Amino acid sequence: MPDFFEEVFSYCQEDLRNHLDLKALDPSYKIFYPDGDVITVHKDSEKTKEELEKIEKGSSKGFDGFIEEATRIYNKVKPLLYGCFTAKAMFNPAYWGLIGEIRAFESYWQLAKKFFKSKKLCYAFTFEAMFMGVSPFDVPAFYSVISYTDHVQKIFYPMGSMYQIPRALEKLAQKFGAKFNYNAEVKKIYSDNGRIKLILDKGEAVFDKVVANTDYAYTKTDLLARRIPEYNYSCSAYLLYLGLKQKVKGLAHHNLFFSQDLNKNLNQIFRDQALPEDPSFYINVPTVTDESLAPKGKDLFYILVPVPNLKRLKQDFLKEEEKLRGIIFNRINQTMGIRLQDLIEIEHKFYPDDFTKRYNIKYGATFGLAHNLMQSAFFRPPNFDSKIQGLYYVGASTQPGGGLPVVLASSRIVADLITGNS
């Protein structure tokens, strides 16, 4: 969704291209099935349809219908991404018709089933839900807007790594007078005679307005010392960062490896709160696009495995981790014809509780609050505090939701609330 990033810079009368080099990926990504089937999603949708036809005859027509419907939903949903709503807005007749138009009471999976017969393709067009931390069987159909962005707007990468985005935003903010105070941990937030006091690990500070981009649940419970509703939380993630001695052929920049039984895999994560016996996972190989990120002839692997959050996880993750890692490596080795463990020069691991320890994310729920119907749109926490005037919230757990472009939209909402432009 490059238009969301372009908006930030154009708002400041700056050209995005002077700050970020966004490269459209081609192919966009690959999907590897356990039976050996592979789908390559291309920048050119006609080539993608040829790939789909190998899996299901006539599916190219289904693709056109699905994308047409996802586009229609996107055009209905996009204006909502810039508004801050409360549950009271549901009583506004202006929104009543919209609920049906965006298929709020259907699931992402049910929408895909209208256009594709095979489970393989239904999963291929709903897997994004897993990387929002929720099952495609539980997330509303209007989240098909992600499929729209994948296949219509295409997928881009900031050359030099994803970290170039916050660096560019920091530089832009500094140009317009923003000051950054790093290594100053906020411990508490108080209302103080019409202003807002932050208690820091070293001292305190008082402001007229505060925007909290910390995890919403953590902010409420730990910083404001309040009770919160019994929210549903997204899944967590087990991450492996690998520096490889040599390049691995056959992978795209983005790669998905699906479980043998994806339904069981999803149930174990989201229903049973158990580590998956046969996990689906994602591999990012940024050196496919940007060779400058690693020494010549070498590769970077970033492996993400969706796992349950820590609220009700039944197992000790550290005791099960080596087994999980072994299953993932075996699947990669069988598919790619390599022995990955022999290629590793550097390895870093990131566990679910690291999200809590390093980023104060409640229960290690990587993607914040789950994106089910009752925690979406009007029902997702608003971007302002109901008790402290001048306190605002941005991030994945607030409106409008998770994902980098959508979180940028939440910052636009807050900016408009502060400046009175909402």
Protein backbone atom coordinates (compact mmCIF):
# COMPACT_ATOMS: atom_id res chain seq x y z
CA MET A 1 0.00 0.00 0.00
CA PRO A 2 2.61 2.58 -1.09
CA ASP A 3 -0.01 5.33 -1.28
CA PHE A 4 -0.22 5.35 2.54
CA PHE A 5 3.52 6.01 2.75
CA GLU A 6 3.45 8.58 -0.04
CA GLU A 7 0.73 10.46 1.83
CA VAL A 8 2.93 10.94 4.90
CA PHE A 9 5.66 12.61 2.87
CA SER A 10 3.43 14.57 0.50
CA TYR A 11 1.58 15.96 3.54
CA CYS A 12 4.93 17.48 4.53
CA GLN A 13 5.54 18.62 0.95
CA GLU A 14 8.31 16.08 0.56
CA ASP A 15 8.88 13.53 -2.21
CA LEU A 16 8.87 9.96 -0.91
CA ARG A 17 11.49 9.02 -3.51
CA ASN A 18 13.98 11.33 -1.83
CA HIS A 19 13.66 9.29 1.36
CA LEU A 20 12.83 5.71 0.39
CA ASP A 21 13.60 3.53 -2.61
CA LEU A 22 10.53 1.30 -2.88
CA LYS A 23 11.01 -1.56 -5.32
CA ALA A 24 8.07 -3.58 -6.65
CA LEU A 25 8.79 -7.29 -6.18
CA ASP A 26 8.48 -9.77 -9.02
CA PRO A 27 7.59 -12.42 -8.18
CA SER A 28 5.54 -11.16 -5.26
CA TYR A 29 5.82 -14.43 -3.34
CA LYS A 30 5.80 -18.21 -3.57
CA ILE A 31 3.58 -20.74 -1.83
CA PHE A 32 4.98 -24.22 -1.18
CA TYR A 33 2.49 -27.03 -0.48
CA PRO A 34 3.59 -30.22 1.33
CA ASP A 35 2.71 -32.42 -1.69
CA GLY A 36 5.23 -30.59 -3.87
CA ASP A 37 2.88 -28.15 -5.59
CA VAL A 38 4.18 -24.59 -5.83
CA ILE A 39 2.30 -21.41 -6.74
CA THR A 40 4.30 -18.38 -7.81
CA VAL A 41 2.37 -15.12 -7.45
CA HIS A 42 3.67 -12.71 -10.07
CA LYS A 43 3.47 -8.97 -10.42
CA ASP A 44 1.67 -9.71 -13.69
CA SER A 45 -1.70 -11.18 -12.67
CA GLU A 46 -2.05 -12.99 -16.01
CA LYS A 47 1.00 -15.06 -15.10
CA THR A 48 -0.47 -15.67 -11.64
CA LYS A 49 -3.67 -17.01 -13.22
CA GLU A 50 -1.59 -19.48 -15.25
CA GLU A 51 -0.14 -20.72 -11.96
CA LEU A 52 -3.61 -21.11 -10.42
CA GLU A 53 -4.87 -23.09 -13.41
CA LYS A 54 -2.24 -25.75 -12.64
CA ILE A 55 -3.96 -26.31 -9.29
CA GLU A 56 -7.61 -25.86 -10.29
CA LYS A 57 -9.01 -25.72 -13.82
CA GLY A 58 -11.14 -22.61 -14.32
CA SER A 59 -9.66 -20.87 -11.30
CA SER A 60 -8.46 -17.90 -13.36
CA LYS A 61 -12.11 -16.87 -13.67
CA GLY A 62 -12.48 -17.31 -9.91
CA PHE A 63 -9.42 -15.13 -9.41
CA ASP A 64 -10.96 -12.33 -11.47
CA GLY A 65 -14.20 -12.55 -9.49
CA PHE A 66 -12.44 -12.66 -6.13
CA ILE A 67 -10.22 -9.66 -6.91
CA GLU A 68 -13.19 -7.74 -8.29
CA GLU A 69 -15.07 -8.32 -5.03
CA ALA A 70 -12.01 -7.55 -2.89
CA THR A 71 -11.55 -4.31 -4.84
CA ARG A 72 -15.19 -3.35 -4.26
CA ILE A 73 -14.81 -4.02 -0.53
CA TYR A 74 -11.52 -2.08 -0.41
CA ASN A 75 -13.19 0.98 -1.92
CA LYS A 76 -15.88 0.78 0.76
CA VAL A 77 -13.43 0.16 3.62
CA LYS A 78 -10.65 2.64 2.78
CA PRO A 79 -12.58 5.76 3.92
CA LEU A 80 -13.15 4.05 7.28
CA LEU A 81 -9.39 3.75 7.77
CA TYR A 82 -9.18 7.48 8.44
CA GLY A 83 -11.97 7.80 11.00
CA CYS A 84 -12.08 7.18 14.73
CA PHE A 85 -15.34 5.50 15.69
CA THR A 86 -17.00 4.43 18.91
CA ALA A 87 -19.59 1.69 19.31
CA LYS A 88 -22.25 4.44 19.36
CA ALA A 89 -21.57 5.01 15.67
CA MET A 90 -23.35 1.72 15.03
CA PHE A 91 -26.61 3.52 15.79
CA ASN A 92 -25.97 5.91 12.90
CA PRO A 93 -28.21 4.75 10.01
CA ALA A 94 -25.54 5.89 7.57
CA TYR A 95 -23.47 2.84 8.49
CA TRP A 96 -26.22 0.23 8.54
CA GLY A 97 -26.09 -0.54 4.83
CA LEU A 98 -22.30 -0.55 4.88
CA ILE A 99 -22.21 -3.56 7.22
CA GLY A 100 -23.72 -5.78 4.55
CA GLU A 101 -21.75 -4.21 1.73
CA ILE A 102 -18.41 -5.08 3.33
CA ARG A 103 -19.59 -8.63 4.23
CA ALA A 104 -19.05 -8.08 7.94
CA PHE A 105 -20.87 -11.28 8.92
CA GLU A 106 -19.00 -13.54 6.53
CA SER A 107 -15.52 -14.89 7.15
CA TYR A 108 -12.52 -14.38 4.90
CA TRP A 109 -12.65 -18.13 4.21
CA GLN A 110 -16.34 -18.06 3.25
CA LEU A 111 -15.62 -15.30 0.76
CA ALA A 112 -12.79 -17.28 -0.85
CA LYS A 113 -15.02 -20.38 -1.09
CA LYS A 114 -17.41 -18.44 -3.32
CA PHE A 115 -14.71 -18.19 -5.97
CA PHE A 116 -12.42 -21.22 -5.56
CA LYS A 117 -13.28 -24.92 -5.23
CA SER A 118 -9.99 -26.27 -3.95
CA LYS A 119 -8.83 -25.76 -0.38
CA LYS A 120 -5.35 -25.11 -1.73
CA LEU A 121 -6.46 -21.93 -3.47
CA CYS A 122 -8.77 -20.88 -0.64
CA TYR A 123 -5.78 -20.96 1.68
CA ALA A 124 -3.64 -19.20 -0.93
CA PHE A 125 -6.06 -16.26 -0.87
CA THR A 126 -6.70 -16.14 2.89
CA PHE A 127 -3.31 -16.98 4.44
CA GLU A 128 -2.73 -13.28 5.16
CA ALA A 129 -5.07 -13.64 8.14
CA MET A 130 -2.42 -15.76 9.89
CA PHE A 131 0.01 -12.88 9.63
CA MET A 132 -2.52 -10.59 11.25
CA GLY A 133 -2.53 -13.10 14.09
CA VAL A 134 -5.91 -14.70 13.46
CA SER A 135 -7.48 -17.64 11.61
CA PRO A 136 -9.11 -17.00 8.18
CA PHE A 137 -12.12 -18.88 9.57
CA ASP A 138 -12.60 -16.22 12.25
CA VAL A 139 -11.65 -12.95 10.58
CA PRO A 140 -14.40 -10.98 8.75
CA ALA A 141 -14.47 -11.03 4.96
CA PHE A 142 -13.67 -7.33 4.72
CA TYR A 143 -10.07 -8.18 5.55
CA SER A 144 -9.90 -9.43 1.96
CA VAL A 145 -8.66 -5.89 1.34
CA ILE A 146 -5.23 -7.40 2.02
CA SER A 147 -5.66 -9.65 -1.02
CA TYR A 148 -6.59 -6.57 -3.01
CA THR A 149 -3.38 -4.82 -2.01
CA ASP A 150 -1.28 -7.91 -2.80
CA HIS A 151 -2.68 -8.48 -6.26
CA VAL A 152 -3.76 -5.02 -7.41
CA GLN A 153 -1.41 -2.56 -5.70
CA LYS A 154 1.38 -5.19 -5.66
CA ILE A 155 4.13 -5.72 -3.07
CA PHE A 156 7.02 -3.33 -2.51
CA TYR A 157 10.26 -3.45 -0.57
CA PRO A 158 12.33 -0.52 0.77
CA MET A 159 15.85 -1.06 -0.49
CA GLY A 160 18.33 -1.20 2.36
CA SER A 161 15.89 -3.11 4.63
CA MET A 162 12.56 -2.46 6.32
CA TYR A 163 14.44 -0.41 8.92
CA GLN A 164 14.80 2.34 6.33
CA ILE A 165 11.13 3.22 6.95
CA PRO A 166 11.50 4.31 10.61
CA ARG A 167 14.81 5.97 9.75
CA ALA A 168 13.14 8.01 7.01
CA LEU A 169 10.24 8.96 9.30
CA GLU A 170 12.67 10.00 12.04
CA LYS A 171 14.63 12.16 9.61
CA LEU A 172 11.42 13.74 8.30
CA ALA A 173 10.17 14.48 11.82
CA GLN A 174 13.49 16.02 12.85
CA LYS A 175 13.43 18.29 9.81
CA PHE A 176 10.17 19.75 11.11
CA GLY A 177 11.37 20.19 14.68
CA ALA A 178 10.63 16.93 16.44
CA LYS A 179 13.06 15.93 19.21
CA PHE A 180 13.73 12.31 20.11
CA ASN A 181 14.63 11.24 23.63
CA TYR A 182 15.82 7.66 23.49
CA ASN A 183 16.63 5.39 26.44
CA ALA A 184 13.99 7.10 28.58
CA GLU A 185 11.54 4.37 29.55
CA VAL A 186 8.05 5.49 30.52
CA LYS A 187 6.89 3.72 33.70
CA LYS A 188 3.56 5.44 34.45
CA ILE A 189 1.13 7.93 32.90
CA TYR A 190 -0.90 10.30 35.12
CA SER A 191 -3.34 13.16 34.69
CA ASP A 192 -1.80 16.19 36.37
CA ASN A 193 -3.90 19.38 36.68
CA GLY A 194 -5.07 19.33 33.09
CA ARG A 195 -1.73 18.15 31.75
CA ILE A 196 -0.20 14.67 31.38
CA LYS A 197 2.72 13.52 33.50
CA LEU A 198 5.05 10.75 32.42
CA ILE A 199 7.02 8.98 35.14
CA LEU A 200 10.30 7.86 33.59
CA ASP A 201 12.94 5.43 34.76
CA LYS A 202 14.99 8.58 35.41
CA GLY A 203 12.85 11.54 36.39
CA GLU A 204 9.55 12.72 34.93
CA ALA A 205 8.14 14.93 32.19
CA VAL A 206 4.88 16.86 31.73
CA PHE A 207 3.10 17.49 28.42
CA ASP A 208 -0.15 18.95 27.10
CA LYS A 209 -0.69 15.98 24.81
CA VAL A 210 0.73 12.47 24.68
CA VAL A 211 0.49 9.91 21.89
CA ALA A 212 1.16 6.37 23.13
CA ASN A 213 2.35 3.91 20.51
CA THR A 214 3.10 1.26 23.12
CA ASP A 215 1.02 -1.92 23.04
CA TYR A 216 -2.52 -0.80 23.87
CA ALA A 217 -3.25 -3.45 26.52
CA TYR A 218 0.10 -2.82 28.21
CA THR A 219 -0.51 0.94 28.20
CA LYS A 220 -3.88 0.51 29.87
CA THR A 221 -2.83 -2.02 32.52
CA ASP A 222 0.80 -1.17 33.30
CA LEU A 223 1.14 2.53 32.50
CA LEU A 224 -2.35 3.73 33.47
CA ALA A 225 -3.08 1.05 36.12
CA ARG A 226 -6.56 0.33 34.76
CA ARG A 227 -8.61 -2.80 34.31
CA ILE A 228 -9.36 -3.74 30.73
CA PRO A 229 -12.00 -5.95 29.08
CA GLU A 230 -11.32 -9.62 28.42
CA TYR A 231 -9.93 -9.02 24.97
CA ASN A 232 -9.08 -11.70 22.42
CA TYR A 233 -5.42 -11.53 21.52
CA SER A 234 -3.62 -12.45 18.33
CA CYS A 235 -1.20 -15.33 18.10
CA SER A 236 2.48 -14.95 18.83
CA ALA A 237 5.46 -15.83 16.65
CA TYR A 238 8.68 -17.81 16.89
CA LEU A 239 11.39 -16.16 14.79
CA LEU A 240 14.68 -17.42 13.42
CA TYR A 241 17.24 -15.04 11.90
CA LEU A 242 19.85 -16.92 9.88
CA GLY A 243 22.98 -15.79 8.09
CA LEU A 244 23.85 -18.46 5.52
CA LYS A 245 27.24 -19.31 4.05
CA GLN A 246 25.80 -19.62 0.57
CA LYS A 247 22.72 -18.70 -1.44
CA VAL A 248 19.72 -21.01 -1.63
CA LYS A 249 18.17 -21.36 -5.07
CA GLY A 250 14.44 -21.60 -5.72
CA LEU A 251 13.11 -19.13 -3.16
CA ALA A 252 11.51 -15.75 -3.76
CA HIS A 253 11.80 -12.71 -1.49
CA HIS A 254 8.61 -13.87 0.32
CA ASN A 255 7.82 -17.58 0.74
CA LEU A 256 5.02 -19.48 2.47
CA PHE A 257 5.26 -23.12 3.49
CA PHE A 258 1.83 -24.60 4.25
CA SER A 259 1.11 -27.37 6.72
CA GLN A 260 -0.15 -30.77 5.55
CA ASP A 261 -3.39 -30.10 7.43
CA LEU A 262 -3.80 -26.33 7.62
CA ASN A 263 -7.14 -26.56 9.39
CA LYS A 264 -5.56 -28.62 12.18
CA ASN A 265 -2.61 -26.25 12.25
CA LEU A 266 -4.93 -23.26 12.72
CA ASN A 267 -7.01 -25.02 15.37
CA GLN A 268 -3.93 -25.90 17.40
CA ILE A 269 -2.80 -22.27 17.42
CA PHE A 270 -6.10 -20.44 17.87
CA ARG A 271 -8.44 -22.95 19.53
CA ASP A 272 -6.30 -25.49 21.40
CA GLN A 273 -3.56 -22.99 22.39
CA ALA A 274 -0.95 -25.66 21.63
CA LEU A 275 2.24 -25.53 19.62
CA PRO A 276 1.60 -26.83 16.10
CA GLU A 277 2.75 -30.37 15.39
CA ASP A 278 3.07 -29.58 11.68
CA PRO A 279 3.50 -25.80 11.44
CA SER A 280 2.95 -23.48 8.54
CA PHE A 281 5.65 -20.84 8.32
CA TYR A 282 7.01 -17.93 6.32
CA ILE A 283 10.52 -17.34 5.02
CA ASN A 284 11.76 -13.89 4.05
CA VAL A 285 14.91 -13.84 1.92
CA PRO A 286 15.61 -10.11 1.45
CA THR A 287 18.92 -10.82 -0.27
CA VAL A 288 16.93 -12.03 -3.30
CA THR A 289 16.08 -8.35 -3.85
CA ASP A 290 18.93 -6.54 -2.10
CA GLU A 291 22.28 -8.33 -2.17
CA SER A 292 23.91 -5.49 -0.20
CA LEU A 293 22.33 -6.85 3.00
CA ALA A 294 24.80 -9.78 3.21
CA PRO A 295 28.38 -10.51 2.13
CA LYS A 296 28.74 -11.52 -1.51
CA GLY A 297 27.47 -15.02 -2.23
CA LYS A 298 25.62 -15.32 1.08
CA ASP A 299 21.95 -15.19 2.09
CA LEU A 300 19.76 -13.92 4.90
CA PHE A 301 16.82 -16.00 6.10
CA TYR A 302 14.11 -14.69 8.39
CA ILE A 303 11.71 -17.47 9.39
CA LEU A 304 8.42 -16.66 11.12
CA VAL A 305 6.30 -19.42 12.67
CA PRO A 306 2.83 -18.52 14.03
CA VAL A 307 2.41 -20.02 17.53
CA PRO A 308 -0.11 -19.44 20.36
CA ASN A 309 0.23 -16.35 22.51
CA LEU A 310 1.32 -16.82 26.12
CA LYS A 311 -2.04 -16.21 27.76
CA ARG A 312 -3.07 -19.86 27.67
CA LEU A 313 -0.15 -21.69 26.06
CA LYS A 314 -0.24 -25.23 27.44
CA GLN A 315 3.44 -26.08 26.90
CA ASP A 316 6.79 -24.77 28.00
CA PHE A 317 7.98 -23.20 24.76
CA LEU A 318 11.69 -23.54 25.48
CA LYS A 319 11.31 -27.28 26.08
CA GLU A 320 9.56 -27.71 22.74
CA GLU A 321 11.60 -25.24 20.71
CA GLU A 322 14.28 -27.60 19.37
CA LYS A 323 11.63 -30.05 18.19
CA LEU A 324 9.75 -27.23 16.43
CA ARG A 325 12.95 -25.93 14.85
CA GLY A 326 13.79 -29.46 13.66
CA ILE A 327 10.38 -29.91 11.99
CA ILE A 328 10.78 -26.58 10.17
CA PHE A 329 14.31 -27.36 9.01
CA ASN A 330 13.29 -30.82 7.78
CA ARG A 331 10.49 -29.34 5.70
CA ILE A 332 12.84 -26.75 4.18
CA ASN A 333 15.48 -29.39 3.48
CA GLN A 334 13.02 -31.75 1.77
CA THR A 335 11.52 -28.98 -0.33
CA MET A 336 14.69 -27.17 -1.34
CA GLY A 337 17.05 -30.15 -1.52
CA ILE A 338 19.52 -28.69 1.00
CA ARG A 339 20.70 -29.28 4.55
CA LEU A 340 19.97 -25.89 6.09
CA GLN A 341 21.66 -26.56 9.43
CA ASP A 342 24.98 -27.02 7.61
CA LEU A 343 24.68 -23.64 5.89
CA ILE A 344 24.20 -21.52 9.02
CA GLU A 345 26.96 -19.08 9.83
CA ILE A 346 24.95 -16.91 12.26
CA GLU A 347 21.70 -17.72 14.06
CA HIS A 348 19.54 -15.56 16.33
CA LYS A 349 16.28 -16.74 17.87
CA PHE A 350 13.35 -14.64 19.04
CA TYR A 351 10.76 -16.25 21.31
CA PRO A 352 7.17 -15.28 22.20
CA ASP A 353 8.22 -13.97 25.62
CA ASP A 354 10.83 -11.76 23.93
CA PHE A 355 7.93 -9.72 22.56
CA THR A 356 6.88 -9.15 26.16
CA LYS A 357 10.37 -8.51 27.57
CA ARG A 358 11.63 -6.26 24.77
CA TYR A 359 8.47 -4.55 23.53
CA ASN A 360 5.99 -4.83 26.43
CA ILE A 361 3.49 -6.67 24.23
CA LYS A 362 0.81 -8.30 26.37
CA TYR A 363 1.04 -12.10 26.35
CA GLY A 364 3.59 -11.87 23.54
CA ALA A 365 0.62 -11.40 21.16
CA THR A 366 2.77 -10.24 18.26
CA PHE A 367 -0.03 -8.63 16.25
CA GLY A 368 -1.84 -7.03 19.21
CA LEU A 369 -5.56 -7.52 19.70
CA ALA A 370 -7.08 -10.14 17.41
CA HIS A 371 -8.94 -8.91 14.34
CA ASN A 372 -12.24 -10.71 14.91
CA LEU A 373 -15.58 -9.03 14.19
CA MET A 374 -16.12 -7.72 17.72
CA GLN A 375 -12.64 -6.18 17.76
CA SER A 376 -12.78 -4.56 14.34
CA ALA A 377 -13.94 -1.17 13.07
CA PHE A 378 -16.40 0.41 15.54
CA PHE A 379 -15.56 -2.15 18.22
CA ARG A 380 -11.78 -1.76 18.16
CA PRO A 381 -10.36 0.55 20.87
CA PRO A 382 -10.59 4.18 19.74
CA ASN A 383 -7.56 6.42 19.28
CA PHE A 384 -8.29 8.71 22.22
CA ASP A 385 -8.54 8.15 25.96
CA SER A 386 -11.99 8.53 27.50
CA LYS A 387 -10.66 9.75 30.87
CA ILE A 388 -7.55 11.81 30.18
CA GLN A 389 -7.98 14.63 27.70
CA GLY A 390 -4.98 14.93 25.43
CA LEU A 391 -3.97 11.24 25.61
CA TYR A 392 -4.10 9.37 22.31
CA TYR A 393 -3.33 5.87 21.04
CA VAL A 394 -1.78 4.60 17.82
CA GLY A 395 -0.72 1.14 16.77
CA ALA A 396 -1.96 -2.28 15.77
CA SER A 397 -4.45 -2.70 18.63
CA THR A 398 -6.26 0.59 18.06
CA GLN A 399 -8.38 1.69 15.13
CA PRO A 400 -8.15 0.90 12.29
CA GLY A 401 -5.95 -2.18 12.95
CA GLY A 402 -2.62 -3.87 12.31
CA GLY A 403 -0.10 -3.83 9.46
CA LEU A 404 2.36 -1.05 8.64
CA PRO A 405 0.16 0.98 6.24
CA VAL A 406 -2.88 0.66 8.50
CA VAL A 407 -0.88 1.73 11.56
CA LEU A 408 0.20 4.77 9.53
CA ALA A 409 -3.50 5.45 9.05
CA SER A 410 -3.96 5.35 12.83
CA SER A 411 -1.32 8.06 13.15
CA ARG A 412 -3.25 10.17 10.62
CA ILE A 413 -6.40 9.70 12.72
CA VAL A 414 -4.57 10.94 15.84
CA ALA A 415 -2.99 13.86 13.98
CA ASP A 416 -6.46 14.91 12.83
CA LEU A 417 -7.89 14.56 16.36
CA ILE A 418 -5.11 16.75 17.75
CA THR A 419 -5.36 19.41 15.07
CA GLY A 420 -9.16 19.37 14.95
CA ASN A 421 -9.33 18.18 11.35
CA SER A 422 -11.30 14.99 12.11
